[in-house]
Amino acid sequence: MRLIIGRLLALLPVLFGLCVLSFALLASVPGDPVTAMLGLEADPAAVAALRAKYALDDPLPLRFLAWFWQVLQGDLGRSIQTGRPVLSMIGAALLPTLQLALAALVISLLIAIPAGVVAATRRNGPADFAATLAALCGLSLPSFWLGILLIMGFSIAIPVLPSSGHVPFLQDPLQALRHLALPALTLGAALAAATMRMTRAAMIEILSADYVRTARAKGLPARRVVWRHALRNALMPVVTLVGLQFGQLMGGVVVTESVFSWPGIGKLTVDAIFARDFPVVQGAILVTATLFVLINLLTDLLYTVLDPRLRSRI
């Protein structure tokens, strides 16, 4: 509880600083949201009325204080482009992003952890070389290029999976999984490459530890030594990497969501930037930053589950 309360208190100045920085940067972006919405030939009276509605002519500090006061009340404002509440727009985009992030993370772990363990236990062998080469290719290939290749292969050459769109899981689970497959595989392959390298490096270090040699000397089966004793301790740096990856995914992977027309937070933010819809951009930045910090907090708590020694240090 002390850890949770301390981290939550530390979250407040971080989010406040992020609010100030994002508001100032967005205010310095060239372009007028009212002009982007109404066009260059709009009626001056309509332009003036819309600017007054959103207080765009007020000094920057007053605009920030007014917006921040709304945030403290749980109101992220309304979209300049659509007039809808920003919170509802982000909420609608959050579920598809969560589905994509979880699916990509599961795919990456299913690939990376077994591959990393096999590469470490067969160090400098053919399996290690193949896994390392695959990880290098995964890190080197741009995600948008891999996504386009998957679309060409599984949507055009062999039309078995849709290339774009999103179907709610509760509406049609099978179609939802079919639409989720290609974007999740695109992201999962890139995540698996980094996770596999981390797993391999951690396992190599753990397998040379004294307690692993003692377990082997006692006659424990090699499979039990590797998967039960060594892997659990090797997961500590992997958990850190996975937590950061999941936080980034929840922030919205802009390129992948754009390639597959996935209606997530990343695509929502990009569309809002092009439309100069600053309330949506500010709300999306605030929500994704909060999610990122909370996921890091959960990662720290998971450390105490994997390593009981840390509980005595808190």
Protein backbone atom coordinates (compact mmCIF):
# COMPACT_ATOMS: atom_id res chain seq x y z
CA MET A 1 0.00 0.00 0.00
CA ARG A 2 2.87 2.39 0.73
CA LEU A 3 4.26 1.72 -2.73
CA ILE A 4 0.88 2.27 -4.40
CA ILE A 5 0.14 5.49 -2.50
CA GLY A 6 3.63 6.85 -3.10
CA ARG A 7 3.50 6.17 -6.82
CA LEU A 8 0.01 7.65 -7.13
CA LEU A 9 1.16 10.82 -5.38
CA ALA A 10 4.19 10.99 -7.65
CA LEU A 11 1.81 10.68 -10.60
CA LEU A 12 0.18 14.04 -9.89
CA PRO A 13 3.13 16.39 -10.65
CA VAL A 14 4.06 14.26 -13.67
CA LEU A 15 0.59 14.62 -15.17
CA PHE A 16 0.42 18.32 -14.33
CA GLY A 17 3.75 18.95 -16.05
CA LEU A 18 2.56 16.93 -19.03
CA CYS A 19 -0.63 19.01 -19.20
CA VAL A 20 1.35 22.26 -19.19
CA LEU A 21 3.83 21.04 -21.79
CA SER A 22 1.26 19.55 -24.15
CA PHE A 23 -0.98 22.61 -23.92
CA ALA A 24 1.91 24.95 -24.67
CA LEU A 25 3.16 22.87 -27.60
CA LEU A 26 -0.29 22.56 -29.15
CA ALA A 27 -0.86 26.30 -28.78
CA SER A 28 2.34 26.93 -30.75
CA VAL A 29 1.28 24.69 -33.66
CA PRO A 30 0.59 26.78 -36.78
CA GLY A 31 -2.95 26.78 -38.07
CA ASP A 32 -6.35 27.80 -36.79
CA PRO A 33 -8.81 25.08 -35.71
CA VAL A 34 -11.77 27.34 -36.54
CA THR A 35 -10.46 27.91 -40.08
CA ALA A 36 -9.84 24.17 -40.45
CA MET A 37 -13.43 23.52 -39.43
CA LEU A 38 -15.30 26.28 -41.27
CA GLY A 39 -12.99 26.84 -44.23
CA LEU A 40 -11.24 29.93 -45.55
CA GLU A 41 -14.42 31.52 -46.93
CA ALA A 42 -16.49 31.21 -43.76
CA ASP A 43 -18.64 34.06 -42.49
CA PRO A 44 -16.56 36.28 -40.15
CA ALA A 45 -19.44 36.38 -37.68
CA ALA A 46 -19.53 32.57 -37.54
CA VAL A 47 -15.76 32.47 -37.09
CA ALA A 48 -15.92 35.01 -34.26
CA ALA A 49 -18.77 33.14 -32.57
CA LEU A 50 -16.92 29.83 -32.70
CA ARG A 51 -13.69 31.36 -31.42
CA ALA A 52 -15.61 32.92 -28.54
CA LYS A 53 -17.33 29.61 -27.79
CA TYR A 54 -14.00 27.85 -27.32
CA ALA A 55 -12.25 30.90 -25.78
CA LEU A 56 -9.57 30.81 -28.46
CA ASP A 57 -8.99 34.58 -28.20
CA ASP A 58 -8.25 34.48 -24.46
CA PRO A 59 -4.65 34.67 -23.20
CA LEU A 60 -2.90 31.31 -23.13
CA PRO A 61 -2.60 31.07 -19.29
CA LEU A 62 -6.34 31.71 -18.87
CA ARG A 63 -7.16 29.10 -21.50
CA PHE A 64 -4.96 26.57 -19.74
CA LEU A 65 -6.45 27.26 -16.31
CA ALA A 66 -9.98 26.96 -17.68
CA TRP A 67 -9.16 23.67 -19.40
CA PHE A 68 -7.31 22.27 -16.38
CA TRP A 69 -10.22 23.14 -14.09
CA GLN A 70 -12.50 21.18 -16.42
CA VAL A 71 -10.08 18.24 -16.27
CA LEU A 72 -10.17 18.24 -12.48
CA GLN A 73 -13.95 17.97 -12.73
CA GLY A 74 -13.69 14.99 -15.07
CA ASP A 75 -14.55 16.97 -18.20
CA LEU A 76 -12.07 16.94 -21.08
CA GLY A 77 -14.12 19.41 -23.11
CA ARG A 78 -15.78 19.02 -26.48
CA SER A 79 -14.36 18.39 -29.92
CA ILE A 80 -14.13 21.47 -32.11
CA GLN A 81 -14.63 19.34 -35.19
CA THR A 82 -17.65 17.25 -34.14
CA GLY A 83 -18.97 18.88 -30.98
CA ARG A 84 -18.96 15.53 -29.17
CA PRO A 85 -17.54 15.18 -25.63
CA VAL A 86 -13.85 14.33 -25.81
CA LEU A 87 -14.18 11.78 -23.02
CA SER A 88 -16.77 9.78 -24.95
CA MET A 89 -14.63 9.86 -28.11
CA ILE A 90 -11.59 8.59 -26.22
CA GLY A 91 -13.70 5.97 -24.46
CA ALA A 92 -14.96 4.67 -27.80
CA ALA A 93 -11.38 4.43 -29.13
CA LEU A 94 -9.94 2.94 -25.94
CA LEU A 95 -11.58 -0.50 -26.23
CA PRO A 96 -10.27 -1.26 -29.76
CA THR A 97 -6.80 -0.13 -28.66
CA LEU A 98 -7.00 -2.36 -25.58
CA GLN A 99 -8.04 -5.34 -27.71
CA LEU A 100 -5.19 -4.74 -30.14
CA ALA A 101 -2.62 -4.22 -27.37
CA LEU A 102 -3.59 -7.37 -25.47
CA ALA A 103 -3.65 -9.51 -28.62
CA ALA A 104 -0.26 -8.21 -29.77
CA LEU A 105 1.22 -8.75 -26.32
CA VAL A 106 -0.06 -12.34 -26.12
CA ILE A 107 1.31 -13.12 -29.57
CA SER A 108 4.70 -11.63 -28.69
CA LEU A 109 4.98 -13.58 -25.42
CA LEU A 110 3.93 -16.86 -27.03
CA ILE A 111 6.70 -16.40 -29.59
CA ALA A 112 9.41 -14.66 -27.58
CA ILE A 113 9.64 -16.55 -24.28
CA PRO A 114 9.92 -20.10 -25.72
CA ALA A 115 12.30 -18.85 -28.43
CA GLY A 116 14.44 -16.98 -25.90
CA VAL A 117 14.65 -19.97 -23.56
CA VAL A 118 15.55 -22.36 -26.38
CA ALA A 119 18.18 -19.95 -27.71
CA ALA A 120 19.74 -19.59 -24.25
CA THR A 121 19.81 -23.33 -23.48
CA ARG A 122 21.31 -24.07 -26.91
CA ARG A 123 23.71 -21.17 -26.96
CA ASN A 124 25.83 -20.77 -30.11
CA GLY A 125 23.91 -23.61 -31.76
CA PRO A 126 21.69 -23.63 -34.83
CA ALA A 127 18.57 -22.86 -32.76
CA ASP A 128 20.29 -19.88 -31.13
CA PHE A 129 21.48 -18.58 -34.49
CA ALA A 130 18.03 -18.95 -36.07
CA ALA A 131 16.25 -17.23 -33.16
CA THR A 132 18.78 -14.38 -33.08
CA LEU A 133 18.50 -13.87 -36.84
CA ALA A 134 14.70 -13.84 -36.65
CA ALA A 135 14.84 -11.30 -33.81
CA LEU A 136 17.20 -9.10 -35.80
CA CYS A 137 14.84 -9.17 -38.78
CA GLY A 138 11.89 -8.35 -36.51
CA LEU A 139 13.69 -5.35 -35.06
CA SER A 140 14.83 -4.13 -38.47
CA LEU A 141 11.58 -4.39 -40.41
CA PRO A 142 9.32 -1.32 -40.19
CA SER A 143 5.92 -2.22 -38.82
CA PHE A 144 4.04 -0.51 -41.66
CA TRP A 145 6.03 -2.51 -44.23
CA LEU A 146 5.31 -5.78 -42.44
CA GLY A 147 1.65 -4.82 -42.22
CA ILE A 148 1.50 -4.12 -45.96
CA LEU A 149 3.17 -7.49 -46.67
CA LEU A 150 0.61 -9.27 -44.50
CA ILE A 151 -2.22 -7.48 -46.30
CA MET A 152 -0.77 -8.47 -49.68
CA GLY A 153 -0.34 -12.06 -48.55
CA PHE A 154 -3.47 -12.80 -46.53
CA SER A 155 -5.97 -10.27 -47.91
CA ILE A 156 -5.07 -10.06 -51.61
CA ALA A 157 -3.04 -13.10 -52.71
CA ILE A 158 -4.86 -15.48 -50.34
CA PRO A 159 -8.02 -13.61 -49.29
CA VAL A 160 -8.65 -15.27 -45.95
CA LEU A 161 -8.41 -12.26 -43.60
CA PRO A 162 -9.81 -8.71 -43.88
CA SER A 163 -7.30 -5.94 -44.44
CA SER A 164 -9.05 -3.19 -42.47
CA GLY A 165 -11.87 -2.33 -40.14
CA HIS A 166 -12.96 -3.37 -36.69
CA VAL A 167 -15.84 -5.50 -35.40
CA PRO A 168 -16.84 -5.38 -31.70
CA PHE A 169 -16.05 -8.67 -30.00
CA LEU A 170 -19.48 -9.02 -28.38
CA GLN A 171 -21.21 -8.42 -31.71
CA ASP A 172 -19.44 -11.21 -33.62
CA PRO A 173 -16.47 -12.93 -31.88
CA LEU A 174 -15.31 -14.79 -34.98
CA GLN A 175 -15.32 -11.72 -37.23
CA ALA A 176 -13.70 -9.69 -34.46
CA LEU A 177 -10.80 -12.16 -34.29
CA ARG A 178 -10.47 -12.19 -38.09
CA HIS A 179 -10.20 -8.38 -38.20
CA LEU A 180 -7.81 -8.43 -35.23
CA ALA A 181 -5.43 -11.05 -36.64
CA LEU A 182 -3.32 -9.02 -39.06
CA PRO A 183 -2.77 -5.84 -36.98
CA ALA A 184 -2.07 -7.93 -33.85
CA LEU A 185 0.43 -10.08 -35.73
CA THR A 186 2.10 -6.98 -37.17
CA LEU A 187 2.63 -5.50 -33.71
CA GLY A 188 3.31 -8.83 -31.99
CA ALA A 189 6.16 -9.70 -34.35
CA ALA A 190 8.00 -6.46 -33.58
CA LEU A 191 7.42 -6.84 -29.83
CA ALA A 192 8.49 -10.49 -29.89
CA ALA A 193 11.87 -9.59 -31.37
CA ALA A 194 12.86 -7.31 -28.50
CA THR A 195 11.34 -9.59 -25.84
CA MET A 196 13.12 -12.63 -27.24
CA ARG A 197 16.51 -10.90 -27.08
CA MET A 198 15.86 -9.81 -23.50
CA THR A 199 14.72 -13.31 -22.49
CA ARG A 200 17.78 -14.90 -24.06
CA ALA A 201 20.21 -12.52 -22.36
CA ALA A 202 18.53 -12.93 -18.95
CA MET A 203 18.40 -16.72 -19.24
CA ILE A 204 22.08 -16.97 -20.17
CA GLU A 205 22.97 -15.00 -17.04
CA ILE A 206 20.65 -17.01 -14.78
CA LEU A 207 21.76 -20.40 -16.11
CA SER A 208 25.29 -19.67 -14.94
CA ALA A 209 24.17 -18.83 -11.38
CA ASP A 210 25.23 -20.98 -8.44
CA TYR A 211 21.75 -22.10 -7.45
CA VAL A 212 21.10 -23.41 -10.98
CA ARG A 213 24.30 -25.45 -10.88
CA THR A 214 23.29 -26.74 -7.43
CA ALA A 215 19.88 -27.78 -8.71
CA ARG A 216 21.48 -29.65 -11.57
CA ALA A 217 23.98 -31.28 -9.22
CA LYS A 218 21.10 -32.57 -7.08
CA GLY A 219 19.80 -34.44 -10.11
CA LEU A 220 16.75 -32.34 -10.93
CA PRO A 221 15.50 -32.81 -14.50
CA ALA A 222 16.92 -30.25 -16.90
CA ARG A 223 13.44 -29.20 -18.03
CA ARG A 224 12.41 -28.44 -14.43
CA VAL A 225 15.60 -26.50 -13.73
CA VAL A 226 15.13 -24.33 -16.81
CA TRP A 227 11.38 -23.72 -16.83
CA ARG A 228 10.65 -23.62 -13.11
CA HIS A 229 13.76 -22.28 -11.41
CA ALA A 230 15.72 -20.29 -13.98
CA LEU A 231 12.89 -18.79 -16.03
CA ARG A 232 11.09 -17.22 -13.07
CA ASN A 233 14.15 -15.21 -12.08
CA ALA A 234 14.97 -14.37 -15.70
CA LEU A 235 11.53 -12.81 -16.13
CA MET A 236 12.36 -9.72 -14.04
CA PRO A 237 13.93 -7.67 -16.88
CA VAL A 238 11.40 -9.15 -19.30
CA VAL A 239 8.53 -7.86 -17.16
CA THR A 240 10.05 -4.37 -17.29
CA LEU A 241 10.25 -4.49 -21.09
CA VAL A 242 6.75 -5.93 -21.47
CA GLY A 243 5.33 -3.23 -19.17
CA LEU A 244 6.90 -0.50 -21.28
CA GLN A 245 5.70 -2.15 -24.47
CA PHE A 246 2.15 -2.47 -23.20
CA GLY A 247 2.18 1.18 -22.13
CA GLN A 248 3.29 2.20 -25.60
CA LEU A 249 0.60 0.05 -27.18
CA MET A 250 -2.07 1.64 -25.01
CA GLY A 251 -0.81 5.00 -26.20
CA GLY A 252 -1.87 3.93 -29.65
CA VAL A 253 0.42 2.61 -32.35
CA VAL A 254 -0.23 5.28 -34.94
CA VAL A 255 1.25 3.65 -38.03
CA THR A 256 -0.31 0.23 -37.54
CA GLU A 257 -3.73 1.65 -36.71
CA SER A 258 -3.55 3.86 -39.78
CA VAL A 259 -2.49 1.00 -42.10
CA PHE A 260 -5.34 -1.24 -40.96
CA SER A 261 -7.89 1.58 -40.37
CA TRP A 262 -8.14 0.46 -36.75
CA PRO A 263 -10.31 2.93 -34.78
CA GLY A 264 -7.99 3.25 -31.78
CA ILE A 265 -6.50 6.08 -29.81
CA GLY A 266 -3.56 6.50 -32.16
CA LYS A 267 -5.75 7.00 -35.23
CA LEU A 268 -8.06 9.30 -33.25
CA THR A 269 -5.11 11.45 -32.22
CA VAL A 270 -3.69 11.66 -35.75
CA ASP A 271 -7.07 12.63 -37.20
CA ALA A 272 -7.47 15.28 -34.49
CA ILE A 273 -4.01 16.71 -35.22
CA PHE A 274 -4.80 17.08 -38.93
CA ALA A 275 -8.12 18.73 -38.06
CA ARG A 276 -6.45 21.05 -35.48
CA ASP A 277 -8.92 19.61 -32.94
CA PHE A 278 -6.83 20.54 -29.91
CA PRO A 279 -9.26 19.43 -27.15
CA VAL A 280 -9.21 15.87 -28.54
CA VAL A 281 -5.41 15.87 -28.82
CA GLN A 282 -4.97 17.20 -25.27
CA GLY A 283 -7.45 14.69 -23.88
CA ALA A 284 -5.82 11.78 -25.71
CA ILE A 285 -2.36 12.78 -24.47
CA LEU A 286 -3.61 13.03 -20.89
CA VAL A 287 -5.44 9.69 -20.96
CA THR A 288 -2.61 7.77 -22.60
CA ALA A 289 -0.02 9.25 -20.24
CA THR A 290 -2.14 8.25 -17.25
CA LEU A 291 -2.48 4.72 -18.61
CA PHE A 292 1.26 4.52 -19.21
CA VAL A 293 2.10 5.49 -15.63
CA LEU A 294 -0.53 3.15 -14.16
CA ILE A 295 0.79 0.25 -16.23
CA ASN A 296 4.29 0.97 -14.94
CA LEU A 297 2.88 0.89 -11.40
CA LEU A 298 1.34 -2.53 -12.06
CA THR A 299 4.70 -3.67 -13.43
CA ASP A 300 6.42 -2.64 -10.20
CA LEU A 301 3.81 -4.53 -8.19
CA LEU A 302 4.38 -7.61 -10.34
CA TYR A 303 8.05 -7.53 -9.31
CA THR A 304 7.04 -8.33 -5.74
CA VAL A 305 5.12 -11.38 -6.98
CA LEU A 306 8.07 -12.71 -8.97
CA ASP A 307 10.70 -11.87 -6.33
CA PRO A 308 9.47 -12.06 -2.69
CA ARG A 309 12.73 -10.46 -1.50
CA LEU A 310 11.48 -7.11 -2.82
CA ARG A 311 8.52 -7.12 -0.44
CA SER A 312 10.84 -6.72 2.52
CA ARG A 313 12.47 -3.63 0.96
CA ILE A 314 9.27 -1.65 0.42
